[in-house]
Amino acid sequence: MATPSARDRILDTAARLFYQEGYRATGIDRIIAESGVAKMSLYRHFASKNALISAFLARRHDEWMAWFRQDVETRLAVRPHLDVIADTLAEWFGRDFRGCAFINVVAEAGGDTRAAEQAAAHKAELEGFIAEIATRLGLEQPQAVAGEAMLCIEGMIVRYQMRPDAAVVEAGRRLLGRLQG
């Protein structure tokens, strides 16, 4: 197996630390030390910490959306109901869950407009996917359903981050089920 490139090692390390410990709490020196690269190497690949955060968010978006879409689609094939989204979220919550990277970055990043734009774009794509599902399920006003589902999804994510309890998933499942009627 090939050794990861310096850029990949930096990004892997930053991704782990940003998600586990936060964006502000994670310093560049720690990323350099744990990734085993020279400072010049980091800055050759990422001009600033904000550029590294942006690269992390881009990768996180691609990976998370691919996983989420596949998991939801698999569940929909067996049970065509909007509430299967709660089961997909439960799957995510059962792993190394530290909240939504995009919600977290908006809360932490302050004036980083690029990060805020990436977070908004991520949520817009997620809402678009939910609208696609609502359309396929034949629900009236699929865009409105998607907006309401997003409130439920985001609420589940934040609530579970604050209080990891299966009751959060159950409540989310009921609310998503009510959207389908």
Protein backbone atom coordinates (compact mmCIF):
# COMPACT_ATOMS: atom_id res chain seq x y z
CA MET A 1 0.00 0.00 0.00
CA ALA A 2 1.37 3.40 -0.97
CA THR A 3 2.31 5.89 1.72
CA PRO A 4 -0.13 8.83 1.77
CA SER A 5 1.22 12.07 0.32
CA ALA A 6 2.16 14.93 2.62
CA ARG A 7 -1.03 16.75 1.56
CA ASP A 8 -3.16 13.70 2.43
CA ARG A 9 -1.42 13.23 5.79
CA ILE A 10 -2.02 16.89 6.63
CA LEU A 11 -5.65 16.70 5.58
CA ASP A 12 -6.25 13.39 7.39
CA THR A 13 -4.72 14.75 10.58
CA ALA A 14 -6.57 18.06 10.36
CA ALA A 15 -9.86 16.26 9.67
CA ARG A 16 -9.46 14.06 12.74
CA LEU A 17 -8.46 16.95 15.01
CA PHE A 18 -10.98 19.47 13.69
CA TYR A 19 -13.82 16.99 14.14
CA GLN A 20 -12.71 15.68 17.55
CA GLU A 21 -11.47 18.88 19.16
CA GLY A 22 -12.81 21.79 17.16
CA TYR A 23 -11.48 24.24 14.63
CA ARG A 24 -10.24 26.95 16.97
CA ALA A 25 -8.81 24.51 19.52
CA THR A 26 -6.69 22.80 16.88
CA GLY A 27 -3.49 24.67 16.14
CA ILE A 28 -1.38 24.46 13.01
CA ASP A 29 1.65 23.35 15.06
CA ARG A 30 -0.26 20.35 16.37
CA ILE A 31 -1.40 19.39 12.86
CA ILE A 32 2.20 19.64 11.66
CA ALA A 33 3.51 17.53 14.55
CA GLU A 34 0.87 14.81 14.25
CA SER A 35 1.00 14.61 10.46
CA GLY A 36 4.79 14.37 10.46
CA VAL A 37 5.35 17.08 7.86
CA ALA A 38 7.43 20.23 7.86
CA LYS A 39 5.78 23.61 8.32
CA MET A 40 6.83 24.59 4.80
CA SER A 41 5.08 21.50 3.45
CA LEU A 42 1.83 22.43 5.15
CA TYR A 43 1.94 25.98 3.79
CA ARG A 44 2.91 24.75 0.33
CA HIS A 45 -0.36 22.78 0.23
CA PHE A 46 -2.59 25.09 2.30
CA ALA A 47 -1.94 28.83 2.36
CA SER A 48 -3.65 29.29 5.73
CA LYS A 49 -5.60 27.52 8.43
CA ASN A 50 -8.79 28.74 6.75
CA ALA A 51 -7.65 27.11 3.48
CA LEU A 52 -7.08 23.86 5.38
CA ILE A 53 -10.54 24.13 6.97
CA SER A 54 -12.00 24.72 3.51
CA ALA A 55 -10.25 21.62 2.12
CA PHE A 56 -11.48 19.58 5.09
CA LEU A 57 -15.06 20.76 4.56
CA ALA A 58 -14.94 19.99 0.83
CA ARG A 59 -13.75 16.44 1.53
CA ARG A 60 -16.19 15.98 4.41
CA HIS A 61 -19.07 17.11 2.20
CA ASP A 62 -18.22 14.68 -0.58
CA GLU A 63 -17.67 11.71 1.73
CA TRP A 64 -20.62 12.36 4.04
CA MET A 65 -23.12 13.05 1.25
CA ALA A 66 -22.06 9.93 -0.65
CA TRP A 67 -22.50 7.83 2.49
CA PHE A 68 -25.80 9.49 3.47
CA ARG A 69 -27.31 9.15 0.00
CA GLN A 70 -26.34 5.49 -0.28
CA ASP A 71 -27.58 4.61 3.19
CA VAL A 72 -30.92 6.39 2.76
CA GLU A 73 -31.44 4.92 -0.73
CA THR A 74 -30.77 1.41 0.59
CA ARG A 75 -33.31 1.89 3.36
CA LEU A 76 -35.87 3.44 0.98
CA ALA A 77 -35.63 0.41 -1.31
CA VAL A 78 -36.85 -1.76 1.57
CA ARG A 79 -39.24 0.72 3.19
CA PRO A 80 -40.29 3.74 1.11
CA HIS A 81 -41.00 6.17 3.97
CA LEU A 82 -39.40 9.50 4.81
CA ASP A 83 -38.75 8.38 8.37
CA VAL A 84 -35.95 6.03 7.24
CA ILE A 85 -33.78 9.17 7.38
CA ALA A 86 -33.91 8.85 11.18
CA ASP A 87 -32.44 5.34 10.90
CA THR A 88 -29.60 6.63 8.74
CA LEU A 89 -28.90 9.37 11.28
CA ALA A 90 -28.99 6.76 14.07
CA GLU A 91 -26.32 4.81 12.18
CA TRP A 92 -24.14 7.93 12.10
CA PHE A 93 -24.83 8.75 15.75
CA GLY A 94 -23.65 5.26 16.71
CA ARG A 95 -20.17 5.88 15.35
CA ASP A 96 -17.60 8.45 16.45
CA PHE A 97 -20.21 11.22 16.45
CA ARG A 98 -19.15 14.73 17.40
CA GLY A 99 -21.98 16.60 15.72
CA CYS A 100 -22.20 17.99 12.23
CA ALA A 101 -18.89 19.37 10.99
CA PHE A 102 -20.79 22.08 9.11
CA ILE A 103 -22.89 23.20 12.06
CA ASN A 104 -19.76 23.12 14.22
CA VAL A 105 -17.72 25.25 11.82
CA VAL A 106 -20.43 27.91 11.60
CA ALA A 107 -20.54 28.04 15.40
CA GLU A 108 -16.76 28.26 15.72
CA ALA A 109 -15.35 29.93 12.64
CA GLY A 110 -16.55 33.45 13.30
CA GLY A 111 -15.69 35.58 10.30
CA ASP A 112 -14.62 32.78 7.96
CA THR A 113 -17.12 33.50 5.20
CA ARG A 114 -15.80 30.69 3.00
CA ALA A 115 -16.54 28.11 5.70
CA ALA A 116 -20.01 29.57 6.23
CA GLU A 117 -20.66 29.43 2.47
CA GLN A 118 -19.50 25.80 2.33
CA ALA A 119 -21.77 24.93 5.26
CA ALA A 120 -24.74 26.60 3.57
CA ALA A 121 -24.01 24.81 0.29
CA HIS A 122 -23.78 21.46 2.11
CA LYS A 123 -27.14 22.01 3.78
CA ALA A 124 -28.70 23.14 0.49
CA GLU A 125 -27.54 19.95 -1.23
CA LEU A 126 -28.88 17.86 1.65
CA GLU A 127 -32.24 19.65 1.43
CA GLY A 128 -32.28 19.10 -2.34
CA PHE A 129 -31.76 15.38 -1.80
CA ILE A 130 -34.64 15.29 0.70
CA ALA A 131 -36.84 17.13 -1.83
CA GLU A 132 -35.95 14.46 -4.43
CA ILE A 133 -37.05 11.78 -1.99
CA ALA A 134 -40.29 13.62 -1.20
CA THR A 135 -41.00 13.90 -4.93
CA ARG A 136 -40.38 10.18 -5.52
CA LEU A 137 -42.64 9.35 -2.58
CA GLY A 138 -45.39 11.42 -4.20
CA LEU A 139 -45.63 13.91 -1.35
CA GLU A 140 -47.37 17.21 -1.99
CA GLN A 141 -45.13 20.29 -1.94
CA PRO A 142 -41.87 18.32 -1.82
CA GLN A 143 -39.73 21.44 -1.35
CA ALA A 144 -41.77 22.48 1.68
CA VAL A 145 -41.57 18.93 3.04
CA ALA A 146 -37.79 19.03 2.56
CA GLY A 147 -37.52 22.31 4.47
CA GLU A 148 -39.53 20.88 7.35
CA ALA A 149 -37.52 17.65 7.27
CA MET A 150 -34.31 19.71 7.47
CA LEU A 151 -35.55 21.34 10.67
CA CYS A 152 -36.11 17.88 12.08
CA ILE A 153 -32.76 16.54 10.84
CA GLU A 154 -30.78 19.51 12.13
CA GLY A 155 -32.63 19.35 15.43
CA MET A 156 -31.85 15.66 15.79
CA ILE A 157 -28.16 16.28 15.08
CA VAL A 158 -27.81 19.09 17.60
CA ARG A 159 -29.97 17.40 20.21
CA TYR A 160 -28.07 14.11 19.93
CA GLN A 161 -24.76 15.95 20.18
CA MET A 162 -25.96 17.55 23.41
CA ARG A 163 -27.71 14.47 24.78
CA PRO A 164 -26.92 11.13 23.12
CA ASP A 165 -30.15 9.24 23.72
CA ALA A 166 -32.14 6.86 21.54
CA ALA A 167 -35.23 8.94 22.36
CA VAL A 168 -33.86 11.62 20.00
CA VAL A 169 -33.94 9.17 17.11
CA GLU A 170 -37.42 7.94 18.05
CA ALA A 171 -38.78 11.50 18.21
CA GLY A 172 -37.16 12.32 14.88
CA ARG A 173 -38.62 9.19 13.30
CA ARG A 174 -42.12 10.19 14.47
CA LEU A 175 -41.74 13.76 13.20
CA LEU A 176 -40.43 12.67 9.82
CA GLY A 177 -43.27 10.15 9.59
CA ARG A 178 -45.80 12.92 10.21
CA LEU A 179 -44.43 14.84 7.24
CA GLN A 180 -45.38 11.93 5.02
CA GLY A 181 -48.88 11.87 6.43
